[in-house]
């Protein structure tokens, strides 16, 4: 018989090779997963930090606007109370305008309260107000039952406006014509990294 016999050689993957491939693939996949999780964690922390700064600036802007229009003689500093907050008179009427009597005296039209509250485990800085459009040229008597923060909170007839989110403490220092407002915020999406911020403003009362 002439001719050459041809033989076929198997080119398949052995079990040992497959185990090596799977081990390498698992290592690569674990590294990618770790990088992804770390990146997401830092992104969440950075996003929370930006949100925290935005809430702080927005809340302080609103508080500064209100306090700058009052007089320090009307301010009730209730830092020692629980919940904490501040109460003061405001000259703006229901149309948010200043009004004067026949003697060109500014008329005081409302009382305002800022306080810390919580909703679903998140702390907020809230604002409530009582308006009397008749007004008086002198600081009016504080409404009945409104000389404490609890009195404002428990009055469900008053609308609570959200001023800022994540505010967990407030402090006020009152001088002759200046109110120093300080509040602290916290929003920590990561359990191993606290994300906090404290903001302070000296507000000159001009009325």
N, C-alpha and C. Protein backbone atom coordinates (compact mmCIF):
# COMPACT_ATOMS: atom_id res chain seq x y z
N UNK A 1 0.87 -1.18 0.00
CA UNK A 1 0.00 0.00 0.00
C UNK A 1 0.90 1.22 0.00
N UNK A 2 0.57 2.12 -0.88
CA UNK A 2 1.38 3.34 -0.97
C UNK A 2 0.61 4.52 -0.40
N UNK A 3 1.33 5.60 -0.18
CA UNK A 3 0.69 6.80 0.39
C UNK A 3 0.99 6.95 1.85
N UNK A 4 0.66 8.10 2.33
CA UNK A 4 0.97 8.41 3.73
C UNK A 4 -0.33 8.52 4.51
N UNK A 5 -0.27 8.00 5.70
CA UNK A 5 -1.44 8.11 6.57
C UNK A 5 -1.42 9.46 7.28
N UNK A 6 -2.53 10.15 7.25
CA UNK A 6 -2.63 11.46 7.93
C UNK A 6 -3.30 11.29 9.28
N UNK A 7 -2.84 12.04 10.21
CA UNK A 7 -3.44 11.98 11.56
C UNK A 7 -3.93 13.36 11.99
N UNK A 8 -4.97 13.41 12.74
CA UNK A 8 -5.52 14.67 13.24
C UNK A 8 -5.15 14.85 14.70
N UNK A 9 -4.71 16.07 14.97
CA UNK A 9 -4.31 16.38 16.35
C UNK A 9 -5.40 17.24 17.02
N UNK A 10 -5.82 16.92 18.20
CA UNK A 10 -6.85 17.68 18.92
C UNK A 10 -6.33 19.05 19.34
N UNK A 11 -7.12 20.08 19.07
CA UNK A 11 -6.76 21.46 19.46
C UNK A 11 -7.70 22.00 20.54
N UNK A 12 -8.45 21.23 21.23
CA UNK A 12 -9.38 21.66 22.28
C UNK A 12 -8.68 22.16 23.53
N UNK A 13 -9.46 22.85 24.41
CA UNK A 13 -8.94 23.41 25.66
C UNK A 13 -9.03 22.37 26.76
N UNK A 14 -7.94 22.22 27.46
CA UNK A 14 -7.94 21.27 28.57
C UNK A 14 -8.62 21.86 29.79
N UNK A 15 -8.97 21.01 30.73
CA UNK A 15 -9.63 21.45 31.95
C UNK A 15 -8.73 22.39 32.76
N UNK A 16 -7.45 22.10 32.79
CA UNK A 16 -6.52 22.95 33.53
C UNK A 16 -6.45 24.35 32.92
N UNK A 17 -6.39 24.39 31.58
CA UNK A 17 -6.36 25.70 30.90
C UNK A 17 -7.64 26.49 31.17
N UNK A 18 -8.77 25.79 31.14
CA UNK A 18 -10.05 26.45 31.40
C UNK A 18 -10.10 27.04 32.80
N UNK A 19 -9.57 26.31 33.77
CA UNK A 19 -9.55 26.80 35.15
C UNK A 19 -8.64 28.03 35.28
N UNK A 20 -7.52 28.03 34.56
CA UNK A 20 -6.63 29.19 34.58
C UNK A 20 -7.32 30.41 33.97
N UNK A 21 -8.01 30.20 32.84
CA UNK A 21 -8.73 31.30 32.19
C UNK A 21 -9.81 31.88 33.11
N UNK A 22 -10.55 30.98 33.75
CA UNK A 22 -11.63 31.42 34.64
C UNK A 22 -11.09 32.19 35.84
N UNK A 23 -9.94 31.75 36.34
CA UNK A 23 -9.33 32.44 37.48
C UNK A 23 -8.89 33.85 37.08
N UNK A 24 -8.24 33.96 35.91
CA UNK A 24 -7.80 35.28 35.43
C UNK A 24 -8.99 36.20 35.16
N UNK A 25 -10.03 35.62 34.56
CA UNK A 25 -11.23 36.41 34.26
C UNK A 25 -11.89 36.90 35.54
N UNK A 26 -11.93 36.06 36.55
CA UNK A 26 -12.52 36.45 37.83
C UNK A 26 -11.73 37.58 38.49
N UNK A 27 -10.41 37.52 38.38
CA UNK A 27 -9.57 38.58 38.95
C UNK A 27 -9.81 39.90 38.25
N UNK A 28 -9.87 39.85 36.91
CA UNK A 28 -10.12 41.07 36.13
C UNK A 28 -11.50 41.63 36.46
N UNK A 29 -12.49 40.76 36.53
CA UNK A 29 -13.86 41.19 36.83
C UNK A 29 -13.94 41.81 38.22
N UNK A 30 -13.24 41.24 39.19
CA UNK A 30 -13.23 41.77 40.55
C UNK A 30 -12.61 43.16 40.59
N UNK A 31 -11.52 43.34 39.83
CA UNK A 31 -10.87 44.66 39.79
C UNK A 31 -11.79 45.70 39.17
N UNK A 32 -12.47 45.34 38.08
CA UNK A 32 -13.40 46.27 37.43
C UNK A 32 -14.55 46.63 38.36
N UNK A 33 -15.07 45.61 39.05
CA UNK A 33 -16.17 45.84 39.99
C UNK A 33 -15.73 46.77 41.12
N UNK A 34 -14.53 46.54 41.66
CA UNK A 34 -14.02 47.37 42.75
C UNK A 34 -13.85 48.82 42.30
N UNK A 35 -13.31 49.01 41.09
CA UNK A 35 -13.13 50.37 40.56
C UNK A 35 -14.49 51.04 40.36
N UNK A 36 -15.46 50.29 39.85
CA UNK A 36 -16.80 50.84 39.62
C UNK A 36 -17.47 51.25 40.93
N UNK A 37 -17.41 50.38 41.93
CA UNK A 37 -18.03 50.68 43.22
C UNK A 37 -17.37 51.88 43.88
N UNK A 38 -16.03 51.94 43.82
CA UNK A 38 -15.30 53.07 44.41
C UNK A 38 -15.65 54.36 43.72
N UNK A 39 -15.73 54.33 42.38
CA UNK A 39 -16.07 55.53 41.61
C UNK A 39 -17.48 56.00 41.95
N UNK A 40 -18.42 55.07 42.07
CA UNK A 40 -19.78 55.44 42.41
C UNK A 40 -19.86 56.03 43.81
N UNK A 41 -19.08 55.47 44.73
CA UNK A 41 -19.11 55.99 46.10
C UNK A 41 -18.59 57.43 46.14
N UNK A 42 -17.47 57.68 45.45
CA UNK A 42 -16.92 59.03 45.45
C UNK A 42 -17.83 60.00 44.69
N UNK A 43 -18.49 59.50 43.66
CA UNK A 43 -19.44 60.34 42.93
C UNK A 43 -20.60 60.73 43.83
N UNK A 44 -21.13 59.76 44.59
CA UNK A 44 -22.24 60.06 45.50
C UNK A 44 -21.84 61.05 46.58
N UNK A 45 -20.63 60.89 47.11
CA UNK A 45 -20.14 61.82 48.14
C UNK A 45 -19.98 63.22 47.56
N UNK A 46 -19.39 63.31 46.36
CA UNK A 46 -19.20 64.62 45.72
C UNK A 46 -20.54 65.27 45.39
N UNK A 47 -21.49 64.46 44.89
CA UNK A 47 -22.81 64.99 44.56
C UNK A 47 -23.52 65.48 45.82
N UNK A 48 -23.40 64.73 46.91
CA UNK A 48 -24.00 65.13 48.18
C UNK A 48 -23.36 66.41 48.71
N UNK A 49 -22.06 66.56 48.50
CA UNK A 49 -21.36 67.76 48.96
C UNK A 49 -21.85 69.00 48.21
N UNK A 50 -22.04 68.86 46.90
CA UNK A 50 -22.55 69.98 46.10
C UNK A 50 -23.97 70.34 46.54
N UNK A 51 -24.78 69.32 46.75
CA UNK A 51 -26.16 69.54 47.20
C UNK A 51 -26.17 70.21 48.57
N UNK A 52 -25.26 69.79 49.44
CA UNK A 52 -25.18 70.36 50.78
C UNK A 52 -24.84 71.86 50.71
N UNK A 53 -23.87 72.21 49.88
CA UNK A 53 -23.50 73.62 49.72
C UNK A 53 -24.64 74.43 49.14
N UNK A 54 -25.36 73.85 48.19
CA UNK A 54 -26.50 74.54 47.60
C UNK A 54 -27.60 74.80 48.64
N UNK A 55 -27.89 73.78 49.45
CA UNK A 55 -28.89 73.92 50.50
C UNK A 55 -28.46 74.98 51.52
N UNK A 56 -27.18 74.97 51.88
CA UNK A 56 -26.67 75.93 52.86
C UNK A 56 -26.80 77.36 52.37
N UNK A 57 -26.41 77.61 51.14
CA UNK A 57 -26.46 78.97 50.59
C UNK A 57 -27.90 79.44 50.41
N UNK A 58 -28.77 78.54 49.95
CA UNK A 58 -30.17 78.91 49.75
C UNK A 58 -30.84 79.22 51.08
N UNK A 59 -30.58 78.38 52.08
CA UNK A 59 -31.17 78.61 53.39
C UNK A 59 -30.68 79.88 54.04
N UNK A 60 -29.37 80.15 53.95
CA UNK A 60 -28.83 81.35 54.57
C UNK A 60 -29.32 82.60 53.85
N UNK A 61 -29.49 82.54 52.53
CA UNK A 61 -29.99 83.70 51.78
C UNK A 61 -31.40 84.08 52.24
N UNK A 62 -32.25 83.06 52.42
CA UNK A 62 -33.63 83.33 52.88
C UNK A 62 -33.64 83.87 54.30
N UNK A 63 -32.86 83.24 55.17
CA UNK A 63 -32.80 83.68 56.57
C UNK A 63 -32.22 85.09 56.68
N UNK A 64 -31.19 85.39 55.91
CA UNK A 64 -30.57 86.71 55.94
C UNK A 64 -31.55 87.78 55.48
N UNK A 65 -32.29 87.49 54.42
CA UNK A 65 -33.27 88.45 53.91
C UNK A 65 -34.30 88.80 54.98
N UNK A 66 -34.82 87.78 55.66
CA UNK A 66 -35.84 88.00 56.69
C UNK A 66 -35.27 88.76 57.89
N UNK A 67 -34.13 88.29 58.40
CA UNK A 67 -33.57 88.89 59.61
C UNK A 67 -33.07 90.33 59.37
N UNK A 68 -32.61 90.62 58.17
CA UNK A 68 -32.12 91.97 57.89
C UNK A 68 -33.24 93.01 57.93
N UNK A 69 -34.48 92.56 57.80
CA UNK A 69 -35.60 93.49 57.78
C UNK A 69 -36.28 93.65 59.13
N UNK A 70 -35.78 92.97 60.14
CA UNK A 70 -36.40 93.07 61.46
C UNK A 70 -35.62 94.05 62.32
N UNK A 71 -35.94 94.07 63.58
CA UNK A 71 -35.18 94.81 64.59
C UNK A 71 -34.78 93.83 65.67
N UNK A 72 -33.59 93.97 66.19
CA UNK A 72 -33.12 93.02 67.19
C UNK A 72 -33.99 93.03 68.45
N UNK A 73 -34.73 94.14 68.66
CA UNK A 73 -35.61 94.22 69.84
C UNK A 73 -36.77 93.25 69.76
N UNK A 74 -37.08 92.77 68.56
CA UNK A 74 -38.23 91.85 68.42
C UNK A 74 -37.80 90.39 68.43
N UNK A 75 -36.50 90.11 68.44
CA UNK A 75 -36.03 88.74 68.24
C UNK A 75 -36.13 87.92 69.52
N UNK A 76 -36.73 86.77 69.40
CA UNK A 76 -36.76 85.77 70.47
C UNK A 76 -35.72 84.72 70.13
N UNK A 77 -34.62 84.70 70.85
CA UNK A 77 -33.58 83.70 70.64
C UNK A 77 -33.93 82.46 71.44
N UNK A 78 -34.26 81.38 70.75
CA UNK A 78 -34.74 80.18 71.44
C UNK A 78 -33.78 79.01 71.23
N UNK A 79 -32.48 79.30 71.26
CA UNK A 79 -31.49 78.24 71.11
C UNK A 79 -31.57 77.21 72.22
N UNK A 80 -31.96 77.67 73.40
CA UNK A 80 -32.00 76.76 74.55
C UNK A 80 -33.25 75.89 74.55
N UNK A 81 -34.19 76.18 73.68
CA UNK A 81 -35.44 75.43 73.65
C UNK A 81 -35.26 74.14 72.85
N UNK A 82 -36.24 73.29 72.93
CA UNK A 82 -36.28 72.07 72.14
C UNK A 82 -37.67 71.94 71.53
N UNK A 83 -37.81 71.98 70.23
CA UNK A 83 -36.78 72.18 69.20
C UNK A 83 -36.20 73.60 69.25
N UNK A 84 -35.07 73.79 68.57
CA UNK A 84 -34.43 75.10 68.55
C UNK A 84 -34.94 75.93 67.38
N UNK A 85 -34.79 77.26 67.52
CA UNK A 85 -35.23 78.14 66.45
C UNK A 85 -35.15 79.59 66.84
N UNK A 86 -35.81 80.44 66.06
CA UNK A 86 -35.80 81.87 66.31
C UNK A 86 -37.14 82.45 65.86
N UNK A 87 -37.61 83.47 66.58
CA UNK A 87 -38.88 84.13 66.28
C UNK A 87 -38.62 85.63 66.23
N UNK A 88 -39.20 86.31 65.26
CA UNK A 88 -38.98 87.77 65.15
C UNK A 88 -40.10 88.40 64.34
N UNK A 89 -40.23 89.73 64.47
CA UNK A 89 -41.25 90.48 63.74
C UNK A 89 -40.74 90.88 62.37
N UNK A 90 -41.66 91.08 61.44
CA UNK A 90 -41.32 91.50 60.09
C UNK A 90 -42.29 92.59 59.63
N UNK A 91 -41.81 93.60 58.87
CA UNK A 91 -42.68 94.68 58.43
C UNK A 91 -43.40 94.41 57.11
N UNK A 92 -43.14 93.32 56.45
CA UNK A 92 -43.77 93.09 55.15
C UNK A 92 -45.20 92.57 55.32
N UNK A 93 -46.09 93.06 54.45
CA UNK A 93 -47.49 92.64 54.52
C UNK A 93 -47.71 91.39 53.67
N UNK A 94 -48.96 91.03 53.45
CA UNK A 94 -49.26 89.79 52.71
C UNK A 94 -48.82 89.87 51.25
N UNK A 95 -48.64 91.09 50.73
CA UNK A 95 -48.12 91.28 49.38
C UNK A 95 -46.60 91.44 49.38
N UNK A 96 -46.00 91.21 50.56
CA UNK A 96 -44.56 91.28 50.74
C UNK A 96 -44.00 92.68 50.46
N UNK A 97 -44.77 93.69 50.87
CA UNK A 97 -44.36 95.07 50.69
C UNK A 97 -44.30 95.79 52.03
N UNK A 98 -43.50 96.84 52.09
CA UNK A 98 -43.48 97.72 53.26
C UNK A 98 -44.66 98.68 53.16
N UNK A 99 -45.28 98.99 54.31
CA UNK A 99 -46.33 99.99 54.35
C UNK A 99 -46.08 100.93 55.52
N UNK A 100 -46.62 102.15 55.45
CA UNK A 100 -46.38 103.20 56.44
C UNK A 100 -47.70 103.84 56.82
N UNK A 101 -47.73 104.40 58.04
CA UNK A 101 -48.93 105.11 58.47
C UNK A 101 -48.84 106.58 58.04
N UNK A 102 -49.81 107.39 58.49
CA UNK A 102 -49.86 108.80 58.08
C UNK A 102 -48.66 109.59 58.58
N UNK A 103 -47.96 109.08 59.58
CA UNK A 103 -46.78 109.77 60.13
C UNK A 103 -45.47 109.21 59.53
N UNK A 104 -45.61 108.46 58.46
CA UNK A 104 -44.48 107.85 57.77
C UNK A 104 -43.70 106.88 58.66
N UNK A 105 -44.44 106.24 59.55
CA UNK A 105 -43.85 105.23 60.42
C UNK A 105 -44.07 103.85 59.81
N UNK A 106 -43.03 103.05 59.83
CA UNK A 106 -43.11 101.71 59.28
C UNK A 106 -44.07 100.85 60.10
N UNK A 107 -44.95 100.14 59.42
CA UNK A 107 -45.93 99.30 60.11
C UNK A 107 -45.45 97.85 60.13
N UNK A 108 -45.50 97.25 61.30
CA UNK A 108 -45.07 95.85 61.47
C UNK A 108 -46.27 94.94 61.23
N UNK A 109 -46.12 94.01 60.29
CA UNK A 109 -47.27 93.25 59.81
C UNK A 109 -47.26 91.76 60.12
N UNK A 110 -46.12 91.19 60.48
CA UNK A 110 -46.10 89.74 60.65
C UNK A 110 -45.07 89.30 61.69
N UNK A 111 -45.28 88.08 62.18
CA UNK A 111 -44.29 87.39 62.99
C UNK A 111 -43.80 86.19 62.21
N UNK A 112 -42.51 85.92 62.32
CA UNK A 112 -41.88 84.84 61.56
C UNK A 112 -41.15 83.91 62.52
N UNK A 113 -41.18 82.63 62.21
CA UNK A 113 -40.47 81.63 63.02
C UNK A 113 -39.68 80.69 62.10
N UNK A 114 -38.41 80.48 62.46
CA UNK A 114 -37.58 79.47 61.82
C UNK A 114 -37.29 78.38 62.86
N UNK A 115 -37.36 77.13 62.45
CA UNK A 115 -37.09 76.05 63.41
C UNK A 115 -36.61 74.81 62.67
N UNK A 116 -36.00 73.90 63.44
CA UNK A 116 -35.53 72.64 62.90
C UNK A 116 -36.60 71.57 63.09
N UNK A 117 -36.88 70.85 62.03
CA UNK A 117 -37.82 69.74 62.09
C UNK A 117 -37.30 68.58 61.28
N UNK A 118 -37.98 67.47 61.30
CA UNK A 118 -37.54 66.30 60.54
C UNK A 118 -38.71 65.66 59.82
N UNK A 119 -38.39 64.99 58.73
CA UNK A 119 -39.40 64.29 57.94
C UNK A 119 -38.74 63.07 57.32
N UNK A 120 -39.22 61.87 57.67
CA UNK A 120 -38.68 60.61 57.17
C UNK A 120 -37.18 60.49 57.41
N UNK A 121 -36.76 60.92 58.59
CA UNK A 121 -35.37 60.76 58.98
C UNK A 121 -34.43 61.82 58.46
N UNK A 122 -34.94 62.82 57.73
CA UNK A 122 -34.12 63.91 57.20
C UNK A 122 -34.50 65.19 57.93
N UNK A 123 -33.48 65.96 58.37
CA UNK A 123 -33.74 67.20 59.10
C UNK A 123 -33.85 68.38 58.14
N UNK A 124 -34.73 69.31 58.48
CA UNK A 124 -34.99 70.47 57.63
C UNK A 124 -35.01 71.74 58.47
N UNK A 125 -34.74 72.87 57.81
CA UNK A 125 -35.00 74.18 58.39
C UNK A 125 -36.31 74.66 57.80
N UNK A 126 -37.29 74.87 58.70
CA UNK A 126 -38.63 75.28 58.27
C UNK A 126 -38.91 76.73 58.65
N UNK A 127 -39.88 77.31 57.96
CA UNK A 127 -40.30 78.69 58.23
C UNK A 127 -41.83 78.74 58.28
N UNK A 128 -42.35 79.41 59.32
CA UNK A 128 -43.78 79.69 59.42
C UNK A 128 -43.97 81.18 59.71
N UNK A 129 -45.16 81.70 59.41
CA UNK A 129 -45.43 83.10 59.67
C UNK A 129 -46.90 83.34 60.00
N UNK A 130 -47.12 84.42 60.76
CA UNK A 130 -48.46 84.89 61.07
C UNK A 130 -48.55 86.32 60.58
N UNK A 131 -49.56 86.63 59.75
CA UNK A 131 -49.68 87.95 59.13
C UNK A 131 -50.87 88.70 59.71
N UNK A 132 -50.65 89.98 60.03
CA UNK A 132 -51.70 90.89 60.47
C UNK A 132 -51.60 92.14 59.61
N UNK A 133 -52.40 92.23 58.56
CA UNK A 133 -52.27 93.34 57.61
C UNK A 133 -52.65 94.69 58.19
N UNK A 134 -53.29 94.71 59.35
CA UNK A 134 -53.57 96.01 59.97
C UNK A 134 -52.26 96.66 60.41
N UNK A 135 -51.41 95.89 61.06
CA UNK A 135 -50.09 96.38 61.43
C UNK A 135 -50.10 97.41 62.55
N UNK A 136 -48.94 97.60 63.16
CA UNK A 136 -48.76 98.62 64.19
C UNK A 136 -47.40 99.29 63.98
N UNK A 137 -47.31 100.55 64.42
CA UNK A 137 -46.06 101.29 64.25
C UNK A 137 -44.99 100.83 65.24
N UNK A 138 -45.42 100.25 66.34
CA UNK A 138 -44.47 99.67 67.30
C UNK A 138 -44.49 98.15 67.14
N UNK A 139 -43.49 97.49 67.71
CA UNK A 139 -43.45 96.04 67.61
C UNK A 139 -44.70 95.46 68.26
N UNK A 140 -45.51 94.72 67.52
CA UNK A 140 -46.75 94.19 68.09
C UNK A 140 -46.48 93.07 69.08
N UNK A 141 -47.48 92.84 69.91
CA UNK A 141 -47.37 91.71 70.84
C UNK A 141 -47.33 90.41 70.06
N UNK A 142 -46.53 89.49 70.52
CA UNK A 142 -46.43 88.21 69.83
C UNK A 142 -47.76 87.48 69.97
N UNK A 143 -48.23 86.82 68.92
CA UNK A 143 -49.52 86.13 69.00
C UNK A 143 -49.57 85.13 70.15
N UNK A 144 -50.75 84.94 70.68
CA UNK A 144 -50.93 84.02 71.80
C UNK A 144 -50.45 82.62 71.43
N UNK A 145 -49.66 82.05 72.34
CA UNK A 145 -49.16 80.70 72.14
C UNK A 145 -48.00 80.58 71.16
N UNK A 146 -47.48 81.73 70.70
CA UNK A 146 -46.40 81.70 69.70
C UNK A 146 -45.07 82.18 70.27
N UNK A 147 -44.92 82.17 71.59
CA UNK A 147 -43.66 82.58 72.20
C UNK A 147 -42.71 81.41 72.40
N UNK A 148 -43.11 80.22 71.91
CA UNK A 148 -42.23 79.04 71.93
C UNK A 148 -42.24 78.41 70.55
N UNK A 149 -41.17 77.69 70.23
CA UNK A 149 -41.09 77.00 68.95
C UNK A 149 -42.18 75.94 68.84
N UNK A 150 -42.44 75.25 69.94
CA UNK A 150 -43.48 74.21 69.93
C UNK A 150 -44.83 74.79 69.58
N UNK A 151 -45.09 76.02 70.04
CA UNK A 151 -46.36 76.67 69.73
C UNK A 151 -46.55 76.86 68.23
N UNK A 152 -45.48 77.17 67.53
CA UNK A 152 -45.53 77.32 66.08
C UNK A 152 -45.68 75.96 65.39
N UNK A 153 -44.89 75.00 65.82
CA UNK A 153 -44.92 73.69 65.19
C UNK A 153 -46.29 73.04 65.32
N UNK A 154 -46.90 73.18 66.48
CA UNK A 154 -48.16 72.50 66.76
C UNK A 154 -49.37 73.19 66.14
N UNK A 155 -49.18 74.39 65.58
CA UNK A 155 -50.28 75.11 64.93
C UNK A 155 -50.36 74.65 63.48
N UNK A 156 -51.22 73.69 63.21
CA UNK A 156 -51.33 73.11 61.87
C UNK A 156 -52.05 74.03 60.89
N UNK A 157 -52.60 75.14 61.39
CA UNK A 157 -53.24 76.09 60.48
C UNK A 157 -52.21 76.93 59.74
N UNK A 158 -50.96 76.91 60.20
CA UNK A 158 -49.88 77.66 59.56
C UNK A 158 -49.10 76.75 58.61
N UNK A 159 -48.81 77.28 57.44
CA UNK A 159 -48.07 76.51 56.44
C UNK A 159 -46.58 76.54 56.74
N UNK A 160 -45.97 75.37 56.79
CA UNK A 160 -44.52 75.27 57.00
C UNK A 160 -43.83 75.24 55.65
N UNK A 161 -42.97 76.22 55.42
CA UNK A 161 -42.20 76.29 54.18
C UNK A 161 -40.80 75.73 54.40
N UNK A 162 -40.36 74.86 53.52
CA UNK A 162 -39.01 74.30 53.62
C UNK A 162 -37.99 75.33 53.16
N UNK A 163 -37.07 75.71 54.04
CA UNK A 163 -36.04 76.68 53.71
C UNK A 163 -34.78 75.98 53.23
N UNK A 164 -34.37 74.93 53.92
CA UNK A 164 -33.17 74.18 53.53
C UNK A 164 -33.27 72.76 54.07
N UNK A 165 -32.62 71.86 53.37
CA UNK A 165 -32.61 70.43 53.73
C UNK A 165 -31.29 70.08 54.42
N UNK A 166 -31.32 69.06 55.24
CA UNK A 166 -30.14 68.52 55.93
C UNK A 166 -29.62 69.43 57.05
N UNK A 167 -30.40 70.40 57.50
CA UNK A 167 -29.97 71.28 58.60
C UNK A 167 -30.28 70.58 59.92
N UNK A 168 -29.23 70.28 60.68
CA UNK A 168 -29.46 69.52 61.92
C UNK A 168 -29.23 70.33 63.18
N UNK A 169 -28.73 71.58 63.08
CA UNK A 169 -28.59 72.41 64.27
C UNK A 169 -28.52 73.87 63.87
N UNK A 170 -28.99 74.74 64.78
CA UNK A 170 -28.95 76.19 64.54
C UNK A 170 -28.49 76.90 65.81
N UNK A 171 -27.90 78.07 65.62
CA UNK A 171 -27.47 78.88 66.76
C UNK A 171 -27.53 80.35 66.37
N UNK A 172 -28.06 81.18 67.27
CA UNK A 172 -28.17 82.61 67.01
C UNK A 172 -27.58 83.39 68.17
N UNK A 173 -26.85 84.45 67.85
CA UNK A 173 -26.34 85.37 68.85
C UNK A 173 -26.85 86.77 68.50
N UNK A 174 -27.48 87.42 69.47
CA UNK A 174 -28.17 88.68 69.21
C UNK A 174 -27.42 89.83 69.88
N UNK A 175 -27.12 90.85 69.09
CA UNK A 175 -26.47 92.06 69.60
C UNK A 175 -27.40 93.25 69.35
N UNK A 176 -26.89 94.46 69.52
CA UNK A 176 -27.73 95.65 69.39
C UNK A 176 -28.40 95.73 68.03
N UNK A 177 -27.64 95.61 66.97
CA UNK A 177 -28.23 95.67 65.64
C UNK A 177 -27.69 94.58 64.72
N UNK A 178 -27.15 93.53 65.29
CA UNK A 178 -26.59 92.43 64.50
C UNK A 178 -27.05 91.09 65.09
N UNK A 179 -27.43 90.20 64.22
CA UNK A 179 -27.75 88.83 64.61
C UNK A 179 -26.78 87.91 63.87
N UNK A 180 -26.02 87.13 64.63
CA UNK A 180 -25.12 86.16 64.03
C UNK A 180 -25.84 84.82 63.96
N UNK A 181 -26.02 84.33 62.74
CA UNK A 181 -26.73 83.07 62.53
C UNK A 181 -25.74 81.99 62.09
N UNK A 182 -25.80 80.85 62.75
CA UNK A 182 -24.93 79.73 62.40
C UNK A 182 -25.78 78.47 62.33
N UNK A 183 -25.65 77.72 61.27
CA UNK A 183 -26.29 76.42 61.28
C UNK A 183 -25.42 75.38 60.59
N UNK A 184 -25.62 74.15 61.03
CA UNK A 184 -24.81 73.04 60.55
C UNK A 184 -25.68 72.09 59.74
N UNK A 185 -25.09 71.52 58.70
CA UNK A 185 -25.78 70.60 57.82
C UNK A 185 -24.99 69.30 57.71
N UNK A 186 -25.69 68.20 57.46
CA UNK A 186 -25.02 66.93 57.22
C UNK A 186 -25.81 66.09 56.23
N UNK A 187 -25.10 65.59 55.22
CA UNK A 187 -25.68 64.66 54.25
C UNK A 187 -24.58 63.67 53.91
N UNK A 188 -24.64 62.50 54.51
CA UNK A 188 -23.56 61.51 54.37
C UNK A 188 -24.07 60.26 53.68
N UNK A 189 -23.95 60.19 52.34
CA UNK A 189 -24.40 58.99 51.61
C UNK A 189 -23.51 57.78 51.83
N UNK A 190 -22.28 58.01 52.29
CA UNK A 190 -21.35 56.91 52.55
C UNK A 190 -21.19 56.73 54.04
N UNK A 191 -21.26 55.47 54.49
CA UNK A 191 -21.19 55.20 55.93
C UNK A 191 -19.80 55.43 56.50
N UNK A 192 -18.77 55.46 55.64
CA UNK A 192 -17.41 55.62 56.14
C UNK A 192 -16.86 57.03 55.94
N UNK A 193 -17.71 57.95 55.49
CA UNK A 193 -17.24 59.31 55.27
C UNK A 193 -18.35 60.29 55.59
N UNK A 194 -18.19 61.09 56.65
CA UNK A 194 -19.19 62.09 57.01
C UNK A 194 -19.05 63.31 56.10
N UNK A 195 -20.18 63.81 55.66
CA UNK A 195 -20.20 64.97 54.78
C UNK A 195 -20.96 66.08 55.50
N UNK A 196 -20.23 66.99 56.12
CA UNK A 196 -20.84 68.03 56.94
C UNK A 196 -20.42 69.42 56.47
N UNK A 197 -21.19 70.41 56.88
CA UNK A 197 -20.91 71.79 56.51
C UNK A 197 -21.49 72.71 57.57
N UNK A 198 -20.75 73.75 57.93
CA UNK A 198 -21.26 74.76 58.86
C UNK A 198 -21.14 76.12 58.19
N UNK A 199 -22.19 76.91 58.28
CA UNK A 199 -22.22 78.22 57.65
C UNK A 199 -22.64 79.27 58.68
N UNK A 200 -21.95 80.41 58.68
CA UNK A 200 -22.21 81.49 59.63
C UNK A 200 -22.34 82.81 58.88
N UNK A 201 -23.27 83.63 59.32
CA UNK A 201 -23.45 84.94 58.71
C UNK A 201 -23.80 85.97 59.78
N UNK A 202 -23.18 87.13 59.69
CA UNK A 202 -23.53 88.25 60.56
C UNK A 202 -24.52 89.14 59.81
N UNK A 203 -25.71 89.25 60.36
CA UNK A 203 -26.80 89.94 59.68
C UNK A 203 -27.15 91.23 60.43
N UNK A 204 -27.02 92.35 59.74
CA UNK A 204 -27.35 93.63 60.36
C UNK A 204 -28.83 93.92 60.19
N UNK A 205 -29.52 94.12 61.31
CA UNK A 205 -30.94 94.45 61.27
C UNK A 205 -31.09 95.95 60.99
N UNK A 206 -31.89 96.28 60.01
CA UNK A 206 -31.93 97.68 59.56
C UNK A 206 -33.22 98.42 59.93
N UNK A 207 -34.13 97.77 60.62
CA UNK A 207 -35.37 98.47 60.97
C UNK A 207 -35.57 98.56 62.49
